[in-house]
């Protein structure tokens, strides 16, 4: 997957995905939007967008988080 995403995305896009994934993990730890912003530098708007996807999206973040937390 790493090679696929490296070919598919620009470095900036890869960084944005990394940032969003950190937000997912921190939301899973019940951190507030402000705490996440302070820890990561990710904008409050992006934190909110990720939170909305977790709550009302297609379930991709939640599925990936569950698989990682269950080690596969």
Protein backbone atom coordinates (compact mmCIF):
# COMPACT_ATOMS: atom_id res chain seq x y z
CA UNK A 1 0.00 0.00 0.00
CA UNK A 2 2.83 2.40 0.80
CA UNK A 3 4.25 2.13 -2.72
CA UNK A 4 0.80 2.54 -4.25
CA UNK A 5 0.11 5.74 -2.28
CA UNK A 6 3.61 7.05 -3.00
CA UNK A 7 2.96 6.66 -6.72
CA UNK A 8 -0.59 8.00 -6.49
CA UNK A 9 -0.14 11.06 -4.26
CA UNK A 10 2.08 14.09 -4.00
CA UNK A 11 4.18 14.50 -0.86
CA UNK A 12 1.73 17.16 0.34
CA UNK A 13 -1.21 14.81 -0.15
CA UNK A 14 0.58 12.05 1.74
CA UNK A 15 1.27 14.46 4.61
CA UNK A 16 -2.38 15.53 4.68
CA UNK A 17 -3.44 11.89 4.95
CA UNK A 18 -0.93 11.30 7.76
CA UNK A 19 -2.21 14.36 9.58
CA UNK A 20 -5.82 13.23 9.26
CA UNK A 21 -4.96 9.78 10.54
CA UNK A 22 -3.34 11.27 13.64
CA UNK A 23 -6.56 13.24 14.16
CA UNK A 24 -8.58 9.99 13.95
CA UNK A 25 -6.40 8.38 16.60
CA UNK A 26 -6.60 11.39 18.91
CA UNK A 27 -10.37 11.64 18.51
CA UNK A 28 -10.44 7.97 19.50
CA UNK A 29 -8.64 8.99 22.69
CA UNK A 30 -11.43 11.54 23.33
CA UNK A 31 -9.14 14.54 22.86
CA UNK A 32 -10.88 17.85 22.21
CA UNK A 33 -10.55 19.67 18.90
CA UNK A 34 -8.38 22.30 20.60
CA UNK A 35 -6.12 19.66 22.19
CA UNK A 36 -5.70 17.98 18.80
CA UNK A 37 -4.87 21.28 17.15
CA UNK A 38 -2.36 22.13 19.88
CA UNK A 39 -0.72 18.68 19.65
CA UNK A 40 -0.58 18.43 15.86
CA UNK A 41 -0.96 21.86 14.31
CA UNK A 42 -3.85 20.51 12.21
CA UNK A 43 -6.52 23.17 11.73
CA UNK A 44 -9.71 23.05 13.78
CA UNK A 45 -11.59 22.91 10.46
CA UNK A 46 -9.75 19.74 9.43
CA UNK A 47 -10.30 18.21 12.86
CA UNK A 48 -14.00 18.92 12.50
CA UNK A 49 -14.09 17.43 9.01
CA UNK A 50 -12.43 14.24 10.21
CA UNK A 51 -14.81 14.06 13.18
CA UNK A 52 -17.82 14.41 10.86
CA UNK A 53 -16.48 11.62 8.66
CA UNK A 54 -16.07 9.41 11.71
CA UNK A 55 -19.62 10.14 12.81
CA UNK A 56 -21.45 10.27 9.48
CA UNK A 57 -19.09 9.11 6.75
CA UNK A 58 -18.83 5.87 4.82
CA UNK A 59 -17.09 4.13 7.73
CA UNK A 60 -13.61 3.96 6.28
CA UNK A 61 -11.82 5.64 9.17
CA UNK A 62 -13.71 3.55 11.72
CA UNK A 63 -12.98 0.30 9.87
CA UNK A 64 -9.27 1.07 9.59
CA UNK A 65 -9.06 2.14 13.23
CA UNK A 66 -10.80 -1.04 14.34
CA UNK A 67 -8.46 -3.21 12.28
CA UNK A 68 -5.39 -1.45 13.65
CA UNK A 69 -6.62 -1.65 17.24
CA UNK A 70 -7.29 -5.38 16.76
CA UNK A 71 -3.89 -5.81 15.07
CA UNK A 72 -5.32 -6.82 11.72
